[in-house]
Amino acid sequence: MKLNLKKPVMFFDLETTGTNILHDRIVEISMIKVFPDGHDDQRTIRINPTIPIPAEATEIHHITDADVADKPTFKQVAKALAQSFEGCDIAGFNSNKFDIPMLAEEFARAGVDFDFSRPRFIDVQTIFHKKEQRTLVAAYRFYCDKDLESAHSADADTRATYEVLMAQLDRYGDLPNDVDALAEFSSQNRNVDLMGRMIYDDKNREVINFGKYKGQLASDVLKRDPGYFGWIQQGEFPSDFKRKIMAIKLRNNK
């Protein structure tokens, strides 16, 4: 089945030094840009993370410090990557929870202001978990009847994710072939920030989604506890979350 697209969708997958988006770094990014006419362009870029790759990370993706020693840093490729993603919706496997927030944090560190509020996000893992409750390797075998060779290499995982979504559309007649509807179906919450530390309630109001103020309106918390804003801005939180809190504070001050 061909994806019903009005603009390109960028399927992507990251290999990293770890899973902490504030401290870890990208070592490989693989992308497949799928165009409305059905053709696609694929490329993979290895990146020097400027920090050592832990052995446990190398065991997963098989990328060593030596493999990326002569590769560009993320800052050197950030503007070109942002241009590649510009005008696209974005899809991946577990991308809403990890890959997109990690990419956003790397863009912020590189000083590239990419607007993640514009694309729609399709998380193929969420669709899979809602339908079958398994992993990418199992999803590939289940939907595509293939074994995933070179699992945990970005290019193999990205291509598998694209093929799994195509097979999901073929298998489930009630799964809409429309990016807006797929993005809504593959989201767990209506996130305000990329990591979901704030979510929208049924009245489109920002609600804190963690810690002692979980479930409370962010604007009310900022008015009632002025120190909360400073704690967020000075703490180890993603830059995207800090910007969203800043916007609410500025709105309160009007």
C-alpha atoms as a PDB file:
ATOM      1  CA  MET A   1       0.000   0.000   0.000  1.00  0.00           C
ATOM      2  CA  LYS A   2       1.199   3.494  -0.818  1.00  0.00           C
ATOM      3  CA  LEU A   3       1.112   6.120   1.940  1.00  0.00           C
ATOM      4  CA  ASN A   4      -1.481   8.824   1.323  1.00  0.00           C
ATOM      5  CA  LEU A   5       0.690  11.911   1.650  1.00  0.00           C
ATOM      6  CA  LYS A   6       0.246  15.621   1.117  1.00  0.00           C
ATOM      7  CA  LYS A   7       3.889  16.345   1.949  1.00  0.00           C
ATOM      8  CA  PRO A   8       6.985  14.200   2.559  1.00  0.00           C
ATOM      9  CA  VAL A   9       7.379  12.016   5.630  1.00  0.00           C
ATOM     10  CA  MET A  10      10.844  11.600   7.111  1.00  0.00           C
ATOM     11  CA  PHE A  11      11.352   8.173   8.666  1.00  0.00           C
ATOM     12  CA  PHE A  12      14.443   8.230  10.864  1.00  0.00           C
ATOM     13  CA  ASP A  13      16.314   6.303  13.523  1.00  0.00           C
ATOM     14  CA  LEU A  14      19.180   7.245  15.831  1.00  0.00           C
ATOM     15  CA  GLU A  15      22.062   5.327  17.319  1.00  0.00           C
ATOM     16  CA  THR A  16      23.478   7.095  20.358  1.00  0.00           C
ATOM     17  CA  THR A  17      25.974   6.910  23.199  1.00  0.00           C
ATOM     18  CA  GLY A  18      23.088   6.197  25.604  1.00  0.00           C
ATOM     19  CA  THR A  19      19.492   7.054  26.453  1.00  0.00           C
ATOM     20  CA  ASN A  20      19.876  10.285  28.455  1.00  0.00           C
ATOM     21  CA  ILE A  21      18.942  13.050  26.023  1.00  0.00           C
ATOM     22  CA  LEU A  22      20.649  15.710  28.148  1.00  0.00           C
ATOM     23  CA  HIS A  23      24.034  14.005  28.377  1.00  0.00           C
ATOM     24  CA  ASP A  24      24.244  11.442  25.578  1.00  0.00           C
ATOM     25  CA  ARG A  25      24.927  12.185  21.927  1.00  0.00           C
ATOM     26  CA  ILE A  26      24.005  10.895  18.467  1.00  0.00           C
ATOM     27  CA  VAL A  27      26.544   8.679  16.691  1.00  0.00           C
ATOM     28  CA  GLU A  28      24.445   7.727  13.652  1.00  0.00           C
ATOM     29  CA  ILE A  29      21.267   8.957  12.007  1.00  0.00           C
ATOM     30  CA  SER A  30      19.521   7.149   9.176  1.00  0.00           C
ATOM     31  CA  MET A  31      16.740   8.796   7.194  1.00  0.00           C
ATOM     32  CA  ILE A  32      14.254   7.775   4.539  1.00  0.00           C
ATOM     33  CA  LYS A  33      12.339  10.681   3.038  1.00  0.00           C
ATOM     34  CA  VAL A  34       9.142   9.344   1.465  1.00  0.00           C
ATOM     35  CA  PHE A  35       7.525  11.671  -1.068  1.00  0.00           C
ATOM     36  CA  PRO A  36       3.827  11.969  -1.995  1.00  0.00           C
ATOM     37  CA  ASP A  37       4.443  10.232  -5.334  1.00  0.00           C
ATOM     38  CA  GLY A  38       5.792   7.159  -3.475  1.00  0.00           C
ATOM     39  CA  HIS A  39       9.503   7.397  -4.232  1.00  0.00           C
ATOM     40  CA  ASP A  40      11.969   7.673  -1.374  1.00  0.00           C
ATOM     41  CA  ASP A  41      15.496   8.879  -0.714  1.00  0.00           C
ATOM     42  CA  GLN A  42      17.629   7.192   1.951  1.00  0.00           C
ATOM     43  CA  ARG A  43      20.896   8.160   3.569  1.00  0.00           C
ATOM     44  CA  THR A  44      22.837   7.405   6.727  1.00  0.00           C
ATOM     45  CA  ILE A  45      25.276   9.737   8.460  1.00  0.00           C
ATOM     46  CA  ARG A  46      27.742   8.777  11.162  1.00  0.00           C
ATOM     47  CA  ILE A  47      28.603  11.500  13.653  1.00  0.00           C
ATOM     48  CA  ASN A  48      31.486  12.093  16.029  1.00  0.00           C
ATOM     49  CA  PRO A  49      29.702  12.510  19.387  1.00  0.00           C
ATOM     50  CA  THR A  50      32.760  14.261  20.925  1.00  0.00           C
ATOM     51  CA  ILE A  51      32.404  11.987  23.962  1.00  0.00           C
ATOM     52  CA  PRO A  52      33.448   8.335  24.389  1.00  0.00           C
ATOM     53  CA  ILE A  53      30.964   5.698  23.247  1.00  0.00           C
ATOM     54  CA  PRO A  54      30.347   3.358  26.208  1.00  0.00           C
ATOM     55  CA  ALA A  55      31.028  -0.322  25.642  1.00  0.00           C
ATOM     56  CA  GLU A  56      27.414  -1.202  26.428  1.00  0.00           C
ATOM     57  CA  ALA A  57      26.229   1.129  23.652  1.00  0.00           C
ATOM     58  CA  THR A  58      28.725  -0.338  21.190  1.00  0.00           C
ATOM     59  CA  GLU A  59      27.443  -3.822  22.054  1.00  0.00           C
ATOM     60  CA  ILE A  60      24.024  -2.738  20.789  1.00  0.00           C
ATOM     61  CA  HIS A  61      24.819  -0.754  17.635  1.00  0.00           C
ATOM     62  CA  HIS A  62      28.418  -1.973  16.974  1.00  0.00           C
ATOM     63  CA  ILE A  63      29.755   1.562  16.445  1.00  0.00           C
ATOM     64  CA  THR A  64      33.082   2.267  18.134  1.00  0.00           C
ATOM     65  CA  ASP A  65      35.040   5.431  18.888  1.00  0.00           C
ATOM     66  CA  ALA A  66      37.375   4.545  16.008  1.00  0.00           C
ATOM     67  CA  ASP A  67      34.434   4.280  13.590  1.00  0.00           C
ATOM     68  CA  VAL A  68      33.466   7.907  14.162  1.00  0.00           C
ATOM     69  CA  ALA A  69      36.832   9.503  14.952  1.00  0.00           C
ATOM     70  CA  ASP A  70      37.054  11.163  11.526  1.00  0.00           C
ATOM     71  CA  LYS A  71      33.320  11.894  11.161  1.00  0.00           C
ATOM     72  CA  PRO A  72      31.763  15.366  11.452  1.00  0.00           C
ATOM     73  CA  THR A  73      30.309  16.539  14.748  1.00  0.00           C
ATOM     74  CA  PHE A  74      26.575  17.106  15.038  1.00  0.00           C
ATOM     75  CA  LYS A  75      27.121  20.875  15.049  1.00  0.00           C
ATOM     76  CA  GLN A  76      28.839  20.587  11.671  1.00  0.00           C
ATOM     77  CA  VAL A  77      25.888  18.787  10.065  1.00  0.00           C
ATOM     78  CA  ALA A  78      23.019  20.316  12.070  1.00  0.00           C
ATOM     79  CA  LYS A  79      21.947  22.969   9.565  1.00  0.00           C
ATOM     80  CA  ALA A  80      21.958  20.511   6.669  1.00  0.00           C
ATOM     81  CA  LEU A  81      19.955  17.996   8.730  1.00  0.00           C
ATOM     82  CA  ALA A  82      17.423  20.658   9.652  1.00  0.00           C
ATOM     83  CA  GLN A  83      17.019  21.501   5.967  1.00  0.00           C
ATOM     84  CA  SER A  84      16.439  17.814   5.197  1.00  0.00           C
ATOM     85  CA  PHE A  85      13.652  17.635   7.805  1.00  0.00           C
ATOM     86  CA  GLU A  86      12.125  20.987   6.843  1.00  0.00           C
ATOM     87  CA  GLY A  87       8.630  20.642   5.389  1.00  0.00           C
ATOM     88  CA  CYS A  88       8.309  16.981   6.402  1.00  0.00           C
ATOM     89  CA  ASP A  89       6.160  15.097   8.829  1.00  0.00           C
ATOM     90  CA  ILE A  90       8.238  12.739  10.983  1.00  0.00           C
ATOM     91  CA  ALA A  91       7.964   9.006  11.641  1.00  0.00           C
ATOM     92  CA  GLY A  92       9.968   6.457  13.603  1.00  0.00           C
ATOM     93  CA  PHE A  93       9.855   3.546  16.031  1.00  0.00           C
ATOM     94  CA  ASN A  94       9.608   4.783  19.636  1.00  0.00           C
ATOM     95  CA  SER A  95      10.446   8.155  18.106  1.00  0.00           C
ATOM     96  CA  ASN A  96       7.970  10.201  20.142  1.00  0.00           C
ATOM     97  CA  LYS A  97       9.592   9.147  23.408  1.00  0.00           C
ATOM     98  CA  PHE A  98      13.252   9.069  22.406  1.00  0.00           C
ATOM     99  CA  ASP A  99      14.462   9.880  18.882  1.00  0.00           C
ATOM    100  CA  ILE A 100      12.571  13.163  18.407  1.00  0.00           C
ATOM    101  CA  PRO A 101      13.440  14.575  21.866  1.00  0.00           C
ATOM    102  CA  MET A 102      17.078  13.519  21.387  1.00  0.00           C
ATOM    103  CA  LEU A 103      17.237  15.152  17.948  1.00  0.00           C
ATOM    104  CA  ALA A 104      15.617  18.308  19.311  1.00  0.00           C
ATOM    105  CA  GLU A 105      18.161  18.515  22.122  1.00  0.00           C
ATOM    106  CA  GLU A 106      21.053  18.066  19.690  1.00  0.00           C
ATOM    107  CA  PHE A 107      19.658  20.844  17.486  1.00  0.00           C
ATOM    108  CA  ALA A 108      19.398  23.099  20.547  1.00  0.00           C
ATOM    109  CA  ARG A 109      22.993  22.365  21.570  1.00  0.00           C
ATOM    110  CA  ALA A 110      24.104  23.181  18.011  1.00  0.00           C
ATOM    111  CA  GLY A 111      22.203  26.477  18.031  1.00  0.00           C
ATOM    112  CA  VAL A 112      19.785  25.384  15.289  1.00  0.00           C
ATOM    113  CA  ASP A 113      16.206  26.488  15.952  1.00  0.00           C
ATOM    114  CA  PHE A 114      14.120  23.760  14.304  1.00  0.00           C
ATOM    115  CA  ASP A 115      10.370  24.176  14.874  1.00  0.00           C
ATOM    116  CA  PHE A 116       9.075  20.768  15.989  1.00  0.00           C
ATOM    117  CA  SER A 117       5.565  22.170  16.415  1.00  0.00           C
ATOM    118  CA  ARG A 118       5.024  22.141  12.643  1.00  0.00           C
ATOM    119  CA  PRO A 119       5.391  18.440  11.676  1.00  0.00           C
ATOM    120  CA  ARG A 120       3.018  15.677  12.669  1.00  0.00           C
ATOM    121  CA  PHE A 121       4.626  12.686  14.411  1.00  0.00           C
ATOM    122  CA  ILE A 122       3.864   9.058  13.556  1.00  0.00           C
ATOM    123  CA  ASP A 123       5.237   6.567  16.077  1.00  0.00           C
ATOM    124  CA  VAL A 124       5.059   3.129  14.480  1.00  0.00           C
ATOM    125  CA  GLN A 125       5.871   1.465  17.815  1.00  0.00           C
ATOM    126  CA  THR A 126       2.758   2.962  19.412  1.00  0.00           C
ATOM    127  CA  ILE A 127       0.597   1.670  16.556  1.00  0.00           C
ATOM    128  CA  PHE A 128       2.225  -1.734  16.937  1.00  0.00           C
ATOM    129  CA  HIS A 129       1.777  -1.809  20.717  1.00  0.00           C
ATOM    130  CA  LYS A 130      -1.859  -0.786  20.436  1.00  0.00           C
ATOM    131  CA  LYS A 131      -2.419  -3.565  17.922  1.00  0.00           C
ATOM    132  CA  GLU A 132       0.008  -6.360  18.836  1.00  0.00           C
ATOM    133  CA  GLN A 133       2.245  -5.449  21.859  1.00  0.00           C
ATOM    134  CA  ARG A 134       5.712  -6.425  20.543  1.00  0.00           C
ATOM    135  CA  THR A 135       9.189  -5.116  19.534  1.00  0.00           C
ATOM    136  CA  LEU A 136      10.567  -3.972  16.160  1.00  0.00           C
ATOM    137  CA  VAL A 137      12.212  -7.339  15.434  1.00  0.00           C
ATOM    138  CA  ALA A 138       8.939  -9.123  16.207  1.00  0.00           C
ATOM    139  CA  ALA A 139       6.958  -6.490  14.327  1.00  0.00           C
ATOM    140  CA  TYR A 140       9.081  -6.989  11.221  1.00  0.00           C
ATOM    141  CA  ARG A 141       8.632 -10.750  11.400  1.00  0.00           C
ATOM    142  CA  PHE A 142       4.899 -10.465  12.195  1.00  0.00           C
ATOM    143  CA  TYR A 143       3.932  -7.897   9.562  1.00  0.00           C
ATOM    144  CA  CYS A 144       6.548  -8.459   6.839  1.00  0.00           C
ATOM    145  CA  ASP A 145       7.350 -12.158   7.376  1.00  0.00           C
ATOM    146  CA  LYS A 146      11.071 -11.336   7.372  1.00  0.00           C
ATOM    147  CA  ASP A 147      13.889 -11.568   9.876  1.00  0.00           C
ATOM    148  CA  LEU A 148      15.470  -8.213  10.680  1.00  0.00           C
ATOM    149  CA  GLU A 149      19.141  -8.546   9.778  1.00  0.00           C
ATOM    150  CA  SER A 150      21.556  -6.097  11.422  1.00  0.00           C
ATOM    151  CA  ALA A 151      19.021  -5.031  14.064  1.00  0.00           C
ATOM    152  CA  HIS A 152      20.149  -1.914  15.948  1.00  0.00           C
ATOM    153  CA  SER A 153      21.886  -0.476  12.920  1.00  0.00           C
ATOM    154  CA  ALA A 154      20.133   2.768  12.072  1.00  0.00           C
ATOM    155  CA  ASP A 155      19.710   2.059   8.356  1.00  0.00           C
ATOM    156  CA  ALA A 156      18.228  -1.427   8.899  1.00  0.00           C
ATOM    157  CA  ASP A 157      15.905  -0.227  11.666  1.00  0.00           C
ATOM    158  CA  THR A 158      14.725   2.756   9.604  1.00  0.00           C
ATOM    159  CA  ARG A 159      13.908   0.674   6.539  1.00  0.00           C
ATOM    160  CA  ALA A 160      12.169  -1.928   8.709  1.00  0.00           C
ATOM    161  CA  THR A 161      10.078   0.791  10.372  1.00  0.00           C
ATOM    162  CA  TYR A 162       8.943   2.104   6.978  1.00  0.00           C
ATOM    163  CA  GLU A 163       8.068  -1.408   5.762  1.00  0.00           C
ATOM    164  CA  VAL A 164       6.194  -2.207   8.996  1.00  0.00           C
ATOM    165  CA  LEU A 165       3.985   0.871   8.621  1.00  0.00           C
ATOM    166  CA  MET A 166       3.172  -0.110   5.023  1.00  0.00           C
ATOM    167  CA  ALA A 167       2.241  -3.605   6.222  1.00  0.00           C
ATOM    168  CA  GLN A 168       0.165  -2.201   9.096  1.00  0.00           C
ATOM    169  CA  LEU A 169      -1.863  -0.165   6.608  1.00  0.00           C
ATOM    170  CA  ASP A 170      -2.434  -3.308   4.529  1.00  0.00           C
ATOM    171  CA  ARG A 171      -3.397  -5.419   7.552  1.00  0.00           C
ATOM    172  CA  TYR A 172      -5.718  -3.069   9.451  1.00  0.00           C
ATOM    173  CA  GLY A 173      -8.647  -1.796   7.461  1.00  0.00           C
ATOM    174  CA  ASP A 174      -9.566   0.604  10.272  1.00  0.00           C
ATOM    175  CA  LEU A 175      -6.103   2.204  10.333  1.00  0.00           C
ATOM    176  CA  PRO A 176      -6.436   5.464   8.368  1.00  0.00           C
ATOM    177  CA  ASN A 177      -4.009   6.150   5.536  1.00  0.00           C
ATOM    178  CA  ASP A 178      -3.644   9.784   6.486  1.00  0.00           C
ATOM    179  CA  VAL A 179      -0.745  11.434   8.300  1.00  0.00           C
ATOM    180  CA  ASP A 180      -2.898  13.536  10.628  1.00  0.00           C
ATOM    181  CA  ALA A 181      -4.940  10.524  11.725  1.00  0.00           C
ATOM    182  CA  LEU A 182      -1.875   8.260  12.002  1.00  0.00           C
ATOM    183  CA  ALA A 183      -0.119  10.872  14.139  1.00  0.00           C
ATOM    184  CA  GLU A 184      -3.140  11.104  16.434  1.00  0.00           C
ATOM    185  CA  PHE A 185      -3.468   7.324  16.669  1.00  0.00           C
ATOM    186  CA  SER A 186       0.246   6.839  17.418  1.00  0.00           C
ATOM    187  CA  SER A 187       0.393   9.441  20.193  1.00  0.00           C
ATOM    188  CA  GLN A 188      -0.089   8.405  23.824  1.00  0.00           C
ATOM    189  CA  ASN A 189      -0.863  11.908  25.100  1.00  0.00           C
ATOM    190  CA  ARG A 190      -1.352  15.345  23.642  1.00  0.00           C
ATOM    191  CA  ASN A 191       2.106  16.561  24.578  1.00  0.00           C
ATOM    192  CA  VAL A 192       2.929  20.221  25.033  1.00  0.00           C
ATOM    193  CA  ASP A 193       6.680  19.558  24.984  1.00  0.00           C
ATOM    194  CA  LEU A 194       8.376  16.725  23.150  1.00  0.00           C
ATOM    195  CA  MET A 195       9.051  14.617  26.250  1.00  0.00           C
ATOM    196  CA  GLY A 196       5.499  14.981  27.566  1.00  0.00           C
ATOM    197  CA  ARG A 197       6.419  16.695  30.834  1.00  0.00           C
ATOM    198  CA  MET A 198       3.384  18.836  30.097  1.00  0.00           C
ATOM    199  CA  ILE A 199       0.248  17.651  28.317  1.00  0.00           C
ATOM    200  CA  TYR A 200      -2.927  19.334  27.122  1.00  0.00           C
ATOM    201  CA  ASP A 201      -6.175  18.637  28.928  1.00  0.00           C
ATOM    202  CA  ASP A 202      -9.557  18.429  27.206  1.00  0.00           C
ATOM    203  CA  LYS A 203      -9.756  22.245  27.240  1.00  0.00           C
ATOM    204  CA  ASN A 204      -6.335  22.640  25.570  1.00  0.00           C
ATOM    205  CA  ARG A 205      -4.752  23.903  28.776  1.00  0.00           C
ATOM    206  CA  GLU A 206      -1.168  22.954  29.682  1.00  0.00           C
ATOM    207  CA  VAL A 207      -1.009  20.513  32.606  1.00  0.00           C
ATOM    208  CA  ILE A 208       2.119  19.462  34.492  1.00  0.00           C
ATOM    209  CA  ASN A 209       2.681  15.722  33.910  1.00  0.00           C
ATOM    210  CA  PHE A 210       5.372  14.853  36.478  1.00  0.00           C
ATOM    211  CA  GLY A 211       6.478  15.517  40.036  1.00  0.00           C
ATOM    212  CA  LYS A 212       4.609  17.072  42.915  1.00  0.00           C
ATOM    213  CA  TYR A 213       2.423  19.252  40.677  1.00  0.00           C
ATOM    214  CA  LYS A 214       1.388  16.461  38.310  1.00  0.00           C
ATOM    215  CA  GLY A 215      -2.174  17.002  37.110  1.00  0.00           C
ATOM    216  CA  GLN A 216      -2.186  20.717  37.908  1.00  0.00           C
ATOM    217  CA  LEU A 217      -2.460  23.572  35.420  1.00  0.00           C
ATOM    218  CA  ALA A 218       0.998  24.919  34.590  1.00  0.00           C
ATOM    219  CA  SER A 219      -0.164  28.540  34.561  1.00  0.00           C
ATOM    220  CA  ASP A 220      -1.626  28.162  38.067  1.00  0.00           C
ATOM    221  CA  VAL A 221       1.546  26.487  39.368  1.00  0.00           C
ATOM    222  CA  LEU A 222       3.733  29.295  38.018  1.00  0.00           C
ATOM    223  CA  LYS A 223       1.526  31.921  39.649  1.00  0.00           C
ATOM    224  CA  ARG A 224       1.310  30.091  42.969  1.00  0.00           C
ATOM    225  CA  ASP A 225       4.954  28.989  43.198  1.00  0.00           C
ATOM    226  CA  PRO A 226       7.275  31.551  41.541  1.00  0.00           C
ATOM    227  CA  GLY A 227      10.318  29.454  42.461  1.00  0.00           C
ATOM    228  CA  TYR A 228       9.114  26.602  40.277  1.00  0.00           C
ATOM    229  CA  PHE A 229      10.044  28.523  37.133  1.00  0.00           C
ATOM    230  CA  GLY A 230      13.594  29.091  38.358  1.00  0.00           C
ATOM    231  CA  TRP A 231      13.908  25.455  39.364  1.00  0.00           C
ATOM    232  CA  ILE A 232      12.951  24.378  35.845  1.00  0.00           C
ATOM    233  CA  GLN A 233      15.237  26.847  34.096  1.00  0.00           C
ATOM    234  CA  GLN A 234      18.244  25.992  36.249  1.00  0.00           C
ATOM    235  CA  GLY A 235      17.600  22.244  36.336  1.00  0.00           C
ATOM    236  CA  GLU A 236      18.558  19.442  33.975  1.00  0.00           C
ATOM    237  CA  PHE A 237      15.504  19.598  31.759  1.00  0.00           C
ATOM    238  CA  PRO A 238      15.332  19.510  27.941  1.00  0.00           C
ATOM    239  CA  SER A 239      15.578  22.919  26.287  1.00  0.00           C
ATOM    240  CA  ASP A 240      12.242  22.372  24.543  1.00  0.00           C
ATOM    241  CA  PHE A 241      10.485  21.972  27.927  1.00  0.00           C
ATOM    242  CA  LYS A 242      12.202  25.078  29.285  1.00  0.00           C
ATOM    243  CA  ARG A 243      11.007  27.112  26.285  1.00  0.00           C
ATOM    244  CA  LYS A 244       7.430  25.946  26.764  1.00  0.00           C
ATOM    245  CA  ILE A 245       7.495  26.874  30.465  1.00  0.00           C
ATOM    246  CA  MET A 246       8.964  30.261  29.531  1.00  0.00           C
ATOM    247  CA  ALA A 247       6.112  30.849  27.058  1.00  0.00           C
ATOM    248  CA  ILE A 248       3.509  30.152  29.739  1.00  0.00           C
ATOM    249  CA  LYS A 249       5.250  32.471  32.202  1.00  0.00           C
ATOM    250  CA  LEU A 250       5.368  35.266  29.612  1.00  0.00           C
ATOM    251  CA  ARG A 251       1.697  34.704  28.868  1.00  0.00           C
ATOM    252  CA  ASN A 252       0.910  34.950  32.591  1.00  0.00           C
ATOM    253  CA  ASN A 253       2.753  38.266  32.793  1.00  0.00           C
ATOM    254  CA  LYS A 254       0.676  39.943  30.101  1.00  0.00           C
END
